[in-house]
């Protein structure tokens, strides 16, 4: 082994718990970087998880309201099935698009406008879809009743 690789092999690993590094502010933490750039994969994954929670809560409250209003109709249950079928592929598409990025792409600031666009579409879908489909099925129930 030459001197350079031998020297590098005996250096502590950056960010290891046995040899924490000191940041510019004097506190101990992770590796020192000049400007942290967001990991778009992780941020989108977090938004998808939160959007699914919001979507599920809205779906339950909106559908339970429709169930109480329509009595014994099976239409609200059909709406529940449609809502579940509609949201899962959409979220998987969002997730696949962002998880397919390389490490370099995941930290590229040029992707910020695309991230904001997808984040807005995700939240519009998660918040709007339960209300839109419930309104559609209520309208169909009135039309065919």
Protein backbone atom coordinates (compact mmCIF):
# COMPACT_ATOMS: atom_id res chain seq x y z
CA UNK A 1 0.00 0.00 0.00
CA UNK A 2 1.46 3.40 -0.91
CA UNK A 3 1.65 6.30 1.57
CA UNK A 4 -1.46 8.17 0.31
CA UNK A 5 -3.86 5.23 0.53
CA UNK A 6 -2.36 4.04 3.81
CA UNK A 7 -2.85 7.53 5.29
CA UNK A 8 -6.44 7.74 4.02
CA UNK A 9 -7.26 4.27 5.32
CA UNK A 10 -6.47 5.29 8.90
CA UNK A 11 -8.47 8.52 8.92
CA UNK A 12 -11.83 8.65 10.74
CA UNK A 13 -14.90 8.36 8.55
CA UNK A 14 -16.81 11.64 8.11
CA UNK A 15 -20.02 11.66 10.09
CA UNK A 16 -19.19 8.56 12.15
CA UNK A 17 -20.41 8.50 15.72
CA UNK A 18 -17.00 7.68 17.14
CA UNK A 19 -15.40 10.84 15.73
CA UNK A 20 -18.05 13.57 15.37
CA UNK A 21 -17.03 16.55 13.27
CA UNK A 22 -17.33 20.08 14.43
CA UNK A 23 -19.39 22.37 12.20
CA UNK A 24 -18.72 26.02 11.44
CA UNK A 25 -20.94 27.10 14.31
CA UNK A 26 -18.92 25.14 16.83
CA UNK A 27 -21.53 22.46 17.46
CA UNK A 28 -21.02 18.82 16.68
CA UNK A 29 -23.05 17.35 13.86
CA UNK A 30 -22.88 15.86 10.40
CA UNK A 31 -20.52 16.70 7.59
CA UNK A 32 -19.76 20.35 6.97
CA UNK A 33 -21.23 21.72 3.76
CA UNK A 34 -21.30 25.23 2.39
CA UNK A 35 -24.91 25.20 1.18
CA UNK A 36 -27.24 22.32 1.86
CA UNK A 37 -29.32 21.42 -1.19
CA UNK A 38 -32.57 19.58 -0.68
CA UNK A 39 -32.90 15.94 -1.60
CA UNK A 40 -35.93 16.09 -3.87
CA UNK A 41 -36.58 12.36 -3.47
CA UNK A 42 -36.93 12.58 0.28
CA UNK A 43 -38.94 15.78 0.22
CA UNK A 44 -41.44 14.39 -2.27
CA UNK A 45 -41.70 11.13 -0.33
CA UNK A 46 -42.49 13.11 2.84
CA UNK A 47 -45.16 15.13 1.03
CA UNK A 48 -46.72 11.96 -0.38
CA UNK A 49 -46.92 10.43 3.09
CA UNK A 50 -48.52 13.54 4.59
CA UNK A 51 -50.88 13.96 1.62
CA UNK A 52 -52.06 10.36 2.02
CA UNK A 53 -52.80 11.01 5.69
CA UNK A 54 -54.79 14.15 4.85
CA UNK A 55 -56.51 12.37 1.98
CA UNK A 56 -57.51 9.46 4.21
CA UNK A 57 -58.88 11.75 6.92
CA UNK A 58 -60.87 13.78 4.39
CA UNK A 59 -62.10 10.64 2.70
CA UNK A 60 -63.41 9.26 5.99
CA UNK A 61 -65.14 12.46 7.09
CA UNK A 62 -66.62 13.31 3.69
CA UNK A 63 -67.81 9.75 3.06
CA UNK A 64 -69.28 9.35 6.54
CA UNK A 65 -71.18 12.59 5.95
CA UNK A 66 -72.50 11.18 2.68
CA UNK A 67 -73.42 7.89 4.36
CA UNK A 68 -75.45 9.67 7.04
CA UNK A 69 -77.20 11.82 4.43
CA UNK A 70 -78.17 8.99 2.07
CA UNK A 71 -79.20 6.33 4.54
CA UNK A 72 -78.98 2.85 3.04
CA UNK A 73 -77.57 3.69 -0.41
CA UNK A 74 -74.58 1.72 -1.67
CA UNK A 75 -73.33 4.72 -3.69
CA UNK A 76 -71.10 6.14 -0.91
CA UNK A 77 -69.40 2.75 -0.57
CA UNK A 78 -68.80 2.71 -4.31
CA UNK A 79 -67.32 6.21 -3.94
CA UNK A 80 -64.93 4.88 -1.29
CA UNK A 81 -63.69 2.16 -3.63
CA UNK A 82 -63.21 4.65 -6.48
CA UNK A 83 -61.32 7.02 -4.18
CA UNK A 84 -58.92 4.30 -3.07
CA UNK A 85 -58.41 3.04 -6.62
CA UNK A 86 -57.77 6.58 -7.89
CA UNK A 87 -55.23 7.80 -5.35
CA UNK A 88 -52.85 4.85 -5.10
CA UNK A 89 -51.65 4.82 -8.75
CA UNK A 90 -51.32 8.60 -8.74
CA UNK A 91 -49.14 8.56 -5.63
CA UNK A 92 -47.07 5.68 -7.00
CA UNK A 93 -46.43 7.70 -10.16
CA UNK A 94 -45.26 10.70 -8.14
CA UNK A 95 -43.06 8.48 -6.00
CA UNK A 96 -41.54 6.62 -8.96
CA UNK A 97 -40.78 9.83 -10.83
CA UNK A 98 -38.81 11.30 -7.93
CA UNK A 99 -37.22 8.08 -6.63
CA UNK A 100 -35.82 7.41 -10.08
CA UNK A 101 -33.42 10.33 -9.74
CA UNK A 102 -29.70 9.75 -9.36
CA UNK A 103 -27.92 11.19 -6.32
CA UNK A 104 -26.66 14.08 -8.43
CA UNK A 105 -30.12 14.84 -9.82
CA UNK A 106 -31.71 14.55 -6.37
CA UNK A 107 -29.68 17.56 -5.21
CA UNK A 108 -29.96 19.62 -8.40
CA UNK A 109 -31.51 23.06 -7.68
CA UNK A 110 -32.73 23.21 -11.29
CA UNK A 111 -35.42 20.67 -10.38
CA UNK A 112 -37.07 23.06 -7.88
CA UNK A 113 -39.80 24.27 -10.28
CA UNK A 114 -40.72 20.67 -11.17
CA UNK A 115 -40.80 19.76 -7.49
CA UNK A 116 -43.13 22.69 -6.72
CA UNK A 117 -45.38 21.73 -9.65
CA UNK A 118 -45.64 18.10 -8.54
CA UNK A 119 -46.11 19.08 -4.90
CA UNK A 120 -49.01 21.39 -5.86
CA UNK A 121 -50.61 18.70 -8.03
CA UNK A 122 -50.26 16.15 -5.23
CA UNK A 123 -51.92 18.38 -2.65
CA UNK A 124 -54.70 19.43 -5.03
CA UNK A 125 -55.37 15.76 -5.70
CA UNK A 126 -55.23 14.78 -2.01
CA UNK A 127 -57.54 17.58 -0.87
CA UNK A 128 -59.79 17.96 -3.89
CA UNK A 129 -60.46 14.38 -4.91
CA UNK A 130 -62.55 13.34 -1.86
CA UNK A 131 -64.80 16.39 -2.25
CA UNK A 132 -65.06 16.17 -6.04
CA UNK A 133 -65.97 12.50 -6.17
CA UNK A 134 -68.38 12.74 -3.26
CA UNK A 135 -70.10 15.66 -4.99
CA UNK A 136 -70.23 13.68 -8.24
CA UNK A 137 -71.77 10.65 -6.55
CA UNK A 138 -74.25 12.82 -4.65
CA UNK A 139 -75.25 14.40 -7.94
CA UNK A 140 -75.65 10.98 -9.55
CA UNK A 141 -77.74 9.81 -6.58
CA UNK A 142 -80.06 12.81 -6.97
CA UNK A 143 -80.26 12.31 -10.72
CA UNK A 144 -81.18 8.63 -10.54
CA UNK A 145 -83.29 8.76 -7.35
